[in-house]
């Protein structure tokens, strides 16, 4: 990740949050950390030092050290060299935290996003079909439980005969 442009004054927590949210995810660079839903909070701690809380997509995420380093760069560039990055595990991250814009970005780059959050109650079986990001067909089936990263699987479209990654719902 390339570092953000430095600023001459301390930026507010909201401005820092915007810059952190815009950082691309190392494993899914088509989506920013904000749209992925991993930025939990950006606020001063009890000692008035700015803290950025990140919720990893899952325990043991191999991208977490790179994300942490990138957030530290943002803090320094925004006038908060003493800022902290905390990893928050509760509440746990789920794919429900991906924004509608994030889901569109994933689909536009050939990655089938998980189904949108369902309203309270049972999920209709029809919502379980994963549409192909290439042709839109729901005639898809599992191809491999292992995809380009640990949080993805690979599906196969029987209509256009193309494989595609699918962000696994958690």
N, C-alpha and C. Protein backbone atom coordinates (compact mmCIF):
# COMPACT_ATOMS: atom_id res chain seq x y z
N UNK A 1 0.84 -1.17 0.00
CA UNK A 1 0.00 0.00 0.00
C UNK A 1 0.89 1.24 0.00
N UNK A 2 0.57 2.20 -0.78
CA UNK A 2 1.33 3.44 -0.77
C UNK A 2 0.75 4.35 0.29
N UNK A 3 1.63 5.10 0.93
CA UNK A 3 1.21 5.94 2.05
C UNK A 3 0.39 7.13 1.60
N UNK A 4 -0.47 7.62 2.50
CA UNK A 4 -1.29 8.80 2.20
C UNK A 4 -0.43 10.06 2.22
N UNK A 5 -0.91 11.09 1.57
CA UNK A 5 -0.20 12.38 1.55
C UNK A 5 -0.22 12.99 2.94
N UNK A 6 0.93 13.48 3.42
CA UNK A 6 0.97 14.07 4.76
C UNK A 6 0.21 15.40 4.81
N UNK A 7 -0.25 15.74 6.00
CA UNK A 7 -0.94 17.00 6.21
C UNK A 7 -0.13 17.84 7.19
N UNK A 8 -0.37 19.12 7.22
CA UNK A 8 0.41 20.00 8.11
C UNK A 8 -0.28 20.21 9.46
N UNK A 9 -1.55 19.90 9.58
CA UNK A 9 -2.28 20.09 10.84
C UNK A 9 -2.91 18.76 11.25
N UNK A 10 -3.26 18.66 12.51
CA UNK A 10 -3.95 17.45 12.99
C UNK A 10 -5.36 17.41 12.41
N UNK A 11 -5.68 16.31 11.77
CA UNK A 11 -7.03 16.17 11.23
C UNK A 11 -7.96 15.61 12.31
N UNK A 12 -9.24 15.87 12.14
CA UNK A 12 -10.24 15.40 13.09
C UNK A 12 -10.41 13.88 12.97
N UNK A 13 -11.05 13.30 13.97
CA UNK A 13 -11.31 11.87 13.96
C UNK A 13 -12.13 11.48 12.73
N UNK A 14 -13.09 12.32 12.35
CA UNK A 14 -13.92 12.02 11.17
C UNK A 14 -13.08 12.04 9.90
N UNK A 15 -12.18 13.00 9.78
CA UNK A 15 -11.32 13.05 8.59
C UNK A 15 -10.37 11.85 8.54
N UNK A 16 -9.87 11.44 9.69
CA UNK A 16 -9.01 10.25 9.75
C UNK A 16 -9.82 9.03 9.36
N UNK A 17 -11.06 8.95 9.87
CA UNK A 17 -11.92 7.81 9.54
C UNK A 17 -12.13 7.71 8.03
N UNK A 18 -12.36 8.85 7.37
CA UNK A 18 -12.56 8.84 5.92
C UNK A 18 -11.33 8.29 5.20
N UNK A 19 -10.15 8.69 5.65
CA UNK A 19 -8.92 8.21 5.01
C UNK A 19 -8.68 6.73 5.28
N UNK A 20 -8.95 6.29 6.50
CA UNK A 20 -8.80 4.87 6.83
C UNK A 20 -9.81 4.05 6.03
N UNK A 21 -11.05 4.53 5.95
CA UNK A 21 -12.10 3.82 5.21
C UNK A 21 -11.74 3.66 3.74
N UNK A 22 -10.99 4.60 3.18
CA UNK A 22 -10.62 4.55 1.77
C UNK A 22 -9.46 3.61 1.48
N UNK A 23 -8.74 3.15 2.52
CA UNK A 23 -7.63 2.23 2.28
C UNK A 23 -8.14 0.94 1.64
N UNK A 24 -7.48 0.44 0.60
CA UNK A 24 -7.94 -0.82 -0.01
C UNK A 24 -7.59 -2.02 0.87
N UNK A 25 -8.46 -3.00 0.88
CA UNK A 25 -8.18 -4.25 1.57
C UNK A 25 -7.05 -4.96 0.82
N UNK A 26 -6.01 -5.45 1.50
CA UNK A 26 -4.90 -6.09 0.81
C UNK A 26 -5.29 -7.33 0.01
N UNK A 27 -6.28 -8.10 0.49
CA UNK A 27 -6.69 -9.31 -0.22
C UNK A 27 -7.77 -9.05 -1.27
N UNK A 28 -8.54 -7.99 -1.07
CA UNK A 28 -9.60 -7.61 -2.00
C UNK A 28 -9.44 -6.13 -2.33
N UNK A 29 -8.41 -5.76 -3.10
CA UNK A 29 -8.12 -4.34 -3.30
C UNK A 29 -9.18 -3.55 -4.05
N UNK A 30 -10.22 -4.21 -4.53
CA UNK A 30 -11.31 -3.50 -5.21
C UNK A 30 -12.28 -2.86 -4.23
N UNK A 31 -12.07 -3.10 -2.93
CA UNK A 31 -12.98 -2.59 -1.92
C UNK A 31 -12.18 -1.94 -0.80
N UNK A 32 -12.67 -0.80 -0.32
CA UNK A 32 -12.01 -0.11 0.78
C UNK A 32 -12.38 -0.72 2.12
N UNK A 33 -11.55 -0.46 3.12
CA UNK A 33 -11.81 -1.01 4.45
C UNK A 33 -13.15 -0.55 5.01
N UNK A 34 -13.57 0.67 4.68
CA UNK A 34 -14.87 1.15 5.14
C UNK A 34 -16.02 0.38 4.53
N UNK A 35 -15.97 0.19 3.21
CA UNK A 35 -17.05 -0.55 2.53
C UNK A 35 -17.03 -2.03 2.90
N UNK A 36 -15.87 -2.54 3.30
CA UNK A 36 -15.79 -3.93 3.75
C UNK A 36 -16.36 -4.08 5.16
N UNK A 37 -16.43 -2.97 5.89
CA UNK A 37 -17.04 -2.99 7.22
C UNK A 37 -16.08 -3.39 8.32
N UNK A 38 -14.78 -3.20 8.12
CA UNK A 38 -13.82 -3.58 9.17
C UNK A 38 -13.41 -2.41 10.06
N UNK A 39 -13.77 -1.18 9.68
CA UNK A 39 -13.44 -0.02 10.52
C UNK A 39 -14.53 0.09 11.59
N UNK A 40 -14.18 -0.28 12.80
CA UNK A 40 -15.16 -0.30 13.89
C UNK A 40 -15.40 1.11 14.43
N UNK A 41 -14.31 1.82 14.76
CA UNK A 41 -14.47 3.19 15.25
C UNK A 41 -13.16 3.95 15.12
N UNK A 42 -13.26 5.26 15.10
CA UNK A 42 -12.12 6.16 15.14
C UNK A 42 -12.51 7.27 16.12
N UNK A 43 -11.84 7.27 17.26
CA UNK A 43 -12.19 8.23 18.31
C UNK A 43 -11.03 8.37 19.29
N UNK A 44 -10.99 9.49 20.00
CA UNK A 44 -9.96 9.64 21.04
C UNK A 44 -10.21 8.64 22.17
N UNK A 45 -9.11 8.08 22.70
CA UNK A 45 -9.20 7.19 23.85
C UNK A 45 -9.34 8.00 25.13
N UNK A 46 -9.31 7.31 26.26
CA UNK A 46 -9.45 7.97 27.55
C UNK A 46 -8.34 9.00 27.79
N UNK A 47 -7.18 8.79 27.17
CA UNK A 47 -6.05 9.71 27.32
C UNK A 47 -5.97 10.73 26.18
N UNK A 48 -7.04 10.84 25.39
CA UNK A 48 -7.14 11.77 24.25
C UNK A 48 -6.24 11.41 23.06
N UNK A 49 -5.63 10.23 23.07
CA UNK A 49 -4.86 9.77 21.91
C UNK A 49 -5.86 9.11 20.95
N UNK A 50 -5.76 9.48 19.67
CA UNK A 50 -6.71 8.95 18.69
C UNK A 50 -6.50 7.45 18.50
N UNK A 51 -7.59 6.70 18.56
CA UNK A 51 -7.56 5.25 18.38
C UNK A 51 -8.42 4.85 17.19
N UNK A 52 -7.88 3.96 16.38
CA UNK A 52 -8.63 3.38 15.28
C UNK A 52 -8.86 1.92 15.64
N UNK A 53 -10.12 1.53 15.71
CA UNK A 53 -10.46 0.14 16.03
C UNK A 53 -10.84 -0.58 14.75
N UNK A 54 -10.17 -1.69 14.50
CA UNK A 54 -10.38 -2.51 13.31
C UNK A 54 -10.92 -3.86 13.75
N UNK A 55 -11.96 -4.33 13.07
CA UNK A 55 -12.50 -5.66 13.32
C UNK A 55 -12.09 -6.55 12.16
N UNK A 56 -11.19 -7.52 12.38
CA UNK A 56 -10.75 -8.37 11.27
C UNK A 56 -11.90 -9.23 10.75
N UNK A 57 -11.81 -9.59 9.49
CA UNK A 57 -12.87 -10.40 8.89
C UNK A 57 -12.94 -11.79 9.52
N UNK A 58 -11.82 -12.28 10.03
CA UNK A 58 -11.82 -13.52 10.79
C UNK A 58 -10.52 -13.62 11.57
N UNK A 59 -10.53 -14.45 12.62
CA UNK A 59 -9.32 -14.63 13.42
C UNK A 59 -8.22 -15.21 12.54
N UNK A 60 -7.04 -14.71 12.71
CA UNK A 60 -5.92 -15.22 11.92
C UNK A 60 -5.85 -14.65 10.52
N UNK A 61 -6.55 -13.57 10.25
CA UNK A 61 -6.53 -12.96 8.91
C UNK A 61 -5.09 -12.59 8.56
N UNK A 62 -4.54 -13.14 7.48
CA UNK A 62 -3.14 -12.86 7.14
C UNK A 62 -2.90 -11.41 6.70
N UNK A 63 -3.94 -10.68 6.36
CA UNK A 63 -3.79 -9.29 5.92
C UNK A 63 -3.76 -8.31 7.09
N UNK A 64 -4.05 -8.77 8.30
CA UNK A 64 -4.16 -7.85 9.43
C UNK A 64 -2.88 -7.05 9.70
N UNK A 65 -1.69 -7.64 9.65
CA UNK A 65 -0.48 -6.81 9.86
C UNK A 65 -0.33 -5.71 8.81
N UNK A 66 -0.65 -6.01 7.57
CA UNK A 66 -0.56 -5.01 6.51
C UNK A 66 -1.61 -3.91 6.70
N UNK A 67 -2.81 -4.29 7.09
CA UNK A 67 -3.87 -3.30 7.35
C UNK A 67 -3.45 -2.40 8.52
N UNK A 68 -2.93 -3.01 9.57
CA UNK A 68 -2.50 -2.25 10.74
C UNK A 68 -1.41 -1.24 10.37
N UNK A 69 -0.43 -1.67 9.58
CA UNK A 69 0.65 -0.77 9.16
C UNK A 69 0.11 0.38 8.32
N UNK A 70 -0.82 0.09 7.43
CA UNK A 70 -1.40 1.14 6.58
C UNK A 70 -2.18 2.14 7.42
N UNK A 71 -2.91 1.67 8.42
CA UNK A 71 -3.68 2.57 9.29
C UNK A 71 -2.71 3.44 10.10
N UNK A 72 -1.62 2.85 10.56
CA UNK A 72 -0.62 3.64 11.30
C UNK A 72 -0.05 4.75 10.41
N UNK A 73 0.19 4.44 9.13
CA UNK A 73 0.67 5.45 8.19
C UNK A 73 -0.34 6.60 8.07
N UNK A 74 -1.63 6.25 7.99
CA UNK A 74 -2.66 7.28 7.91
C UNK A 74 -2.66 8.14 9.16
N UNK A 75 -2.58 7.51 10.33
CA UNK A 75 -2.55 8.27 11.57
C UNK A 75 -1.39 9.26 11.58
N UNK A 76 -0.21 8.80 11.21
CA UNK A 76 0.97 9.68 11.19
C UNK A 76 0.79 10.80 10.18
N UNK A 77 0.33 10.45 8.98
CA UNK A 77 0.15 11.46 7.93
C UNK A 77 -0.92 12.49 8.30
N UNK A 78 -1.86 12.10 9.16
CA UNK A 78 -2.94 13.01 9.56
C UNK A 78 -2.62 13.79 10.84
N UNK A 79 -1.35 13.75 11.26
CA UNK A 79 -0.95 14.52 12.43
C UNK A 79 -1.15 13.81 13.75
N UNK A 80 -1.30 12.49 13.72
CA UNK A 80 -1.50 11.69 14.94
C UNK A 80 -0.44 10.59 15.02
N UNK A 81 0.86 10.96 15.10
CA UNK A 81 1.89 9.93 15.12
C UNK A 81 1.83 9.05 16.38
N UNK A 82 1.18 9.55 17.41
CA UNK A 82 1.01 8.78 18.64
C UNK A 82 -0.27 7.94 18.62
N UNK A 83 -1.02 8.00 17.52
CA UNK A 83 -2.29 7.27 17.42
C UNK A 83 -2.10 5.77 17.56
N UNK A 84 -3.17 5.10 17.94
CA UNK A 84 -3.13 3.65 18.16
C UNK A 84 -4.09 2.93 17.23
N UNK A 85 -3.72 1.70 16.90
CA UNK A 85 -4.60 0.81 16.15
C UNK A 85 -4.92 -0.36 17.07
N UNK A 86 -6.20 -0.58 17.29
CA UNK A 86 -6.64 -1.70 18.13
C UNK A 86 -7.43 -2.69 17.29
N UNK A 87 -7.25 -3.96 17.59
CA UNK A 87 -8.02 -5.01 16.92
C UNK A 87 -9.17 -5.40 17.86
N UNK A 88 -10.38 -5.22 17.37
CA UNK A 88 -11.58 -5.47 18.17
C UNK A 88 -12.24 -6.73 17.62
N UNK A 89 -12.47 -7.70 18.49
CA UNK A 89 -13.04 -8.98 18.06
C UNK A 89 -14.52 -9.11 18.38
N UNK A 90 -15.06 -8.19 19.19
CA UNK A 90 -16.47 -8.23 19.52
C UNK A 90 -17.10 -6.87 19.30
N UNK A 91 -18.18 -6.76 18.60
CA UNK A 91 -18.86 -7.85 17.91
C UNK A 91 -18.04 -8.33 16.72
N UNK A 92 -18.18 -9.60 16.45
CA UNK A 92 -17.43 -10.21 15.35
C UNK A 92 -17.90 -9.64 14.01
N UNK A 93 -16.96 -9.56 13.07
CA UNK A 93 -17.28 -9.11 11.72
C UNK A 93 -18.13 -10.18 11.03
N UNK A 94 -19.13 -9.73 10.27
CA UNK A 94 -19.90 -10.61 9.41
C UNK A 94 -20.04 -9.93 8.05
N UNK A 95 -20.41 -10.68 7.05
CA UNK A 95 -20.58 -10.10 5.71
C UNK A 95 -21.74 -9.11 5.66
N UNK A 96 -22.59 -9.09 6.68
CA UNK A 96 -23.66 -8.11 6.76
C UNK A 96 -23.11 -6.69 6.86
N UNK A 97 -21.85 -6.55 7.26
CA UNK A 97 -21.24 -5.23 7.43
C UNK A 97 -20.74 -4.64 6.11
N UNK A 98 -20.72 -5.42 5.04
CA UNK A 98 -20.30 -4.89 3.74
C UNK A 98 -21.39 -3.95 3.24
N UNK A 99 -20.99 -2.76 2.85
CA UNK A 99 -21.96 -1.75 2.40
C UNK A 99 -22.50 -2.12 1.01
N UNK A 100 -23.64 -1.53 0.63
CA UNK A 100 -24.15 -1.75 -0.73
C UNK A 100 -23.11 -1.36 -1.80
N UNK A 101 -22.37 -0.26 -1.57
CA UNK A 101 -21.32 0.14 -2.52
C UNK A 101 -20.22 -0.92 -2.59
N UNK A 102 -19.87 -1.47 -1.44
CA UNK A 102 -18.87 -2.54 -1.41
C UNK A 102 -19.33 -3.77 -2.16
N UNK A 103 -20.59 -4.12 -2.03
CA UNK A 103 -21.14 -5.28 -2.76
C UNK A 103 -21.11 -5.03 -4.26
N UNK A 104 -21.43 -3.79 -4.67
CA UNK A 104 -21.37 -3.45 -6.10
C UNK A 104 -19.93 -3.52 -6.62
N UNK A 105 -18.98 -3.03 -5.83
CA UNK A 105 -17.57 -3.06 -6.25
C UNK A 105 -17.08 -4.49 -6.40
N UNK A 106 -17.44 -5.35 -5.48
CA UNK A 106 -17.04 -6.76 -5.60
C UNK A 106 -17.62 -7.37 -6.87
N UNK A 107 -18.91 -7.18 -7.08
CA UNK A 107 -19.57 -7.75 -8.26
C UNK A 107 -18.98 -7.19 -9.55
N UNK A 108 -18.67 -5.90 -9.57
CA UNK A 108 -18.11 -5.28 -10.77
C UNK A 108 -16.74 -5.84 -11.12
N UNK A 109 -16.06 -6.41 -10.15
CA UNK A 109 -14.74 -6.98 -10.39
C UNK A 109 -14.76 -8.50 -10.42
N UNK A 110 -15.94 -9.07 -10.66
CA UNK A 110 -16.05 -10.51 -10.86
C UNK A 110 -16.05 -11.35 -9.60
N UNK A 111 -16.27 -10.73 -8.45
CA UNK A 111 -16.35 -11.46 -7.19
C UNK A 111 -17.79 -11.41 -6.72
N UNK A 112 -18.41 -12.57 -6.61
CA UNK A 112 -19.80 -12.62 -6.17
C UNK A 112 -19.87 -12.26 -4.69
N UNK A 113 -20.56 -11.17 -4.36
CA UNK A 113 -20.68 -10.82 -2.94
C UNK A 113 -21.65 -11.77 -2.26
N UNK A 114 -21.56 -11.87 -0.94
CA UNK A 114 -22.54 -12.69 -0.23
C UNK A 114 -23.91 -12.06 -0.37
N UNK A 115 -24.94 -12.85 -0.14
CA UNK A 115 -26.31 -12.34 -0.22
C UNK A 115 -26.47 -11.18 0.75
N UNK A 116 -27.30 -10.22 0.37
CA UNK A 116 -27.58 -9.09 1.25
C UNK A 116 -28.25 -9.58 2.51
N UNK A 117 -28.07 -8.84 3.60
CA UNK A 117 -28.71 -9.27 4.84
C UNK A 117 -30.21 -9.42 4.65
N UNK A 118 -30.75 -10.50 5.19
CA UNK A 118 -32.19 -10.76 5.10
C UNK A 118 -32.90 -10.08 6.27
N UNK A 119 -34.15 -9.69 6.06
CA UNK A 119 -34.90 -9.16 7.19
C UNK A 119 -35.08 -10.26 8.23
N UNK A 120 -35.50 -9.88 9.41
CA UNK A 120 -35.71 -10.88 10.46
C UNK A 120 -36.61 -12.00 9.95
N UNK A 121 -36.29 -13.20 10.36
CA UNK A 121 -37.09 -14.35 9.98
C UNK A 121 -36.32 -15.28 9.08
N UNK A 122 -36.98 -16.34 8.61
CA UNK A 122 -36.30 -17.33 7.79
C UNK A 122 -35.86 -16.75 6.44
N UNK A 123 -34.76 -17.24 5.93
CA UNK A 123 -34.25 -16.80 4.64
C UNK A 123 -34.87 -17.69 3.56
N UNK A 124 -35.57 -17.09 2.59
CA UNK A 124 -36.14 -17.91 1.53
C UNK A 124 -35.04 -18.63 0.76
N UNK A 125 -35.31 -19.88 0.36
CA UNK A 125 -34.33 -20.68 -0.35
C UNK A 125 -33.89 -19.99 -1.64
N UNK A 126 -34.75 -19.24 -2.29
CA UNK A 126 -34.39 -18.57 -3.54
C UNK A 126 -33.26 -17.58 -3.35
N UNK A 127 -33.11 -17.02 -2.14
CA UNK A 127 -32.03 -16.07 -1.89
C UNK A 127 -30.68 -16.75 -1.77
N UNK A 128 -30.64 -18.06 -1.63
CA UNK A 128 -29.39 -18.77 -1.46
C UNK A 128 -28.62 -18.91 -2.77
N UNK A 129 -29.27 -18.79 -3.91
CA UNK A 129 -28.57 -18.90 -5.19
C UNK A 129 -27.62 -17.71 -5.34
N UNK A 130 -26.40 -17.99 -5.77
CA UNK A 130 -25.41 -16.93 -5.95
C UNK A 130 -25.37 -16.58 -7.42
N UNK A 131 -25.74 -15.36 -7.78
CA UNK A 131 -25.72 -14.99 -9.19
C UNK A 131 -24.30 -14.87 -9.72
N UNK A 132 -24.10 -15.28 -10.94
CA UNK A 132 -22.82 -15.19 -11.61
C UNK A 132 -22.50 -13.72 -11.89
N UNK A 133 -21.32 -13.22 -11.50
CA UNK A 133 -21.00 -11.81 -11.77
C UNK A 133 -20.70 -11.54 -13.25
N UNK A 134 -20.55 -12.61 -14.05
CA UNK A 134 -20.27 -12.44 -15.48
C UNK A 134 -21.55 -12.32 -16.31
N UNK A 135 -22.52 -13.23 -16.04
CA UNK A 135 -23.72 -13.23 -16.88
C UNK A 135 -25.02 -13.04 -16.09
N UNK A 136 -24.96 -13.08 -14.76
CA UNK A 136 -26.14 -12.86 -13.94
C UNK A 136 -26.97 -14.10 -13.67
N UNK A 137 -26.64 -15.21 -14.28
CA UNK A 137 -27.41 -16.44 -14.08
C UNK A 137 -27.27 -16.93 -12.64
N UNK A 138 -28.35 -17.51 -12.12
CA UNK A 138 -28.28 -18.13 -10.80
C UNK A 138 -28.06 -19.63 -10.91
N UNK A 139 -27.76 -20.10 -12.11
CA UNK A 139 -27.44 -21.52 -12.31
C UNK A 139 -25.97 -21.73 -11.99
N UNK A 140 -25.65 -21.59 -10.70
CA UNK A 140 -24.26 -21.71 -10.25
C UNK A 140 -24.15 -22.85 -9.25
N UNK A 141 -22.95 -23.37 -9.12
CA UNK A 141 -22.73 -24.46 -8.17
C UNK A 141 -21.32 -24.34 -7.60
N UNK A 142 -21.10 -24.96 -6.44
CA UNK A 142 -19.76 -24.92 -5.86
C UNK A 142 -18.74 -25.61 -6.76
N UNK A 143 -17.56 -25.04 -6.84
CA UNK A 143 -16.47 -25.63 -7.62
C UNK A 143 -15.33 -26.02 -6.68
N UNK A 144 -14.99 -25.12 -5.74
CA UNK A 144 -13.94 -25.39 -4.77
C UNK A 144 -14.21 -24.59 -3.51
N UNK A 145 -14.02 -25.21 -2.36
CA UNK A 145 -14.20 -24.50 -1.10
C UNK A 145 -13.06 -23.52 -0.85
N UNK A 146 -11.99 -23.65 -1.63
CA UNK A 146 -10.81 -22.79 -1.45
C UNK A 146 -10.67 -21.87 -2.64
N UNK A 147 -10.57 -20.57 -2.36
CA UNK A 147 -10.47 -19.58 -3.42
C UNK A 147 -9.17 -18.80 -3.34
N UNK A 148 -9.13 -17.63 -3.97
CA UNK A 148 -7.92 -16.82 -4.01
C UNK A 148 -7.47 -16.32 -2.63
N UNK A 149 -8.36 -16.25 -1.67
CA UNK A 149 -8.00 -15.92 -0.30
C UNK A 149 -8.84 -16.79 0.63
N UNK A 150 -8.49 -16.78 1.89
CA UNK A 150 -9.17 -17.66 2.84
C UNK A 150 -10.65 -17.37 3.01
N UNK A 151 -11.08 -16.15 2.70
CA UNK A 151 -12.49 -15.80 2.89
C UNK A 151 -13.29 -15.98 1.61
N UNK A 152 -12.71 -16.64 0.61
CA UNK A 152 -13.42 -16.85 -0.66
C UNK A 152 -13.46 -18.33 -1.02
N UNK A 153 -14.51 -18.69 -1.74
CA UNK A 153 -14.61 -20.01 -2.36
C UNK A 153 -14.74 -19.76 -3.87
N UNK A 154 -14.75 -20.82 -4.64
CA UNK A 154 -14.91 -20.67 -6.09
C UNK A 154 -16.19 -21.38 -6.51
N UNK A 155 -17.01 -20.67 -7.27
CA UNK A 155 -18.24 -21.24 -7.81
C UNK A 155 -18.09 -21.37 -9.32
N UNK A 156 -18.99 -22.14 -9.92
CA UNK A 156 -18.98 -22.38 -11.36
C UNK A 156 -20.36 -22.03 -11.90
N UNK A 157 -20.39 -21.26 -12.98
CA UNK A 157 -21.66 -20.92 -13.61
C UNK A 157 -21.92 -21.93 -14.72
N UNK A 158 -23.04 -22.63 -14.63
CA UNK A 158 -23.36 -23.61 -15.67
C UNK A 158 -23.91 -22.95 -16.92
N UNK A 159 -24.32 -21.69 -16.83
CA UNK A 159 -24.85 -20.98 -18.00
C UNK A 159 -23.72 -20.48 -18.90
N UNK A 160 -22.77 -19.72 -18.35
CA UNK A 160 -21.69 -19.18 -19.19
C UNK A 160 -20.40 -19.99 -19.05
N UNK A 161 -20.42 -20.98 -18.16
CA UNK A 161 -19.32 -21.92 -17.97
C UNK A 161 -18.04 -21.24 -17.46
N UNK A 162 -18.21 -20.19 -16.68
CA UNK A 162 -17.07 -19.46 -16.11
C UNK A 162 -16.99 -19.70 -14.60
N UNK A 163 -15.79 -19.94 -14.09
CA UNK A 163 -15.63 -19.98 -12.63
C UNK A 163 -15.52 -18.55 -12.11
N UNK A 164 -15.87 -18.35 -10.85
CA UNK A 164 -15.74 -17.03 -10.24
C UNK A 164 -15.59 -17.16 -8.73
N UNK A 165 -14.85 -16.21 -8.13
CA UNK A 165 -14.72 -16.23 -6.67
C UNK A 165 -15.99 -15.72 -6.01
N UNK A 166 -16.25 -16.26 -4.83
CA UNK A 166 -17.42 -15.86 -4.06
C UNK A 166 -16.95 -15.54 -2.65
N UNK A 167 -17.27 -14.35 -2.18
CA UNK A 167 -16.92 -13.98 -0.82
C UNK A 167 -17.83 -14.76 0.10
N UNK A 168 -17.26 -15.64 0.89
CA UNK A 168 -18.01 -16.55 1.73
C UNK A 168 -18.73 -15.80 2.84
N UNK A 169 -20.01 -16.06 2.99
CA UNK A 169 -20.81 -15.41 4.04
C UNK A 169 -20.40 -15.98 5.39
N UNK A 170 -20.27 -15.09 6.36
CA UNK A 170 -19.94 -15.50 7.74
C UNK A 170 -21.06 -15.12 8.66
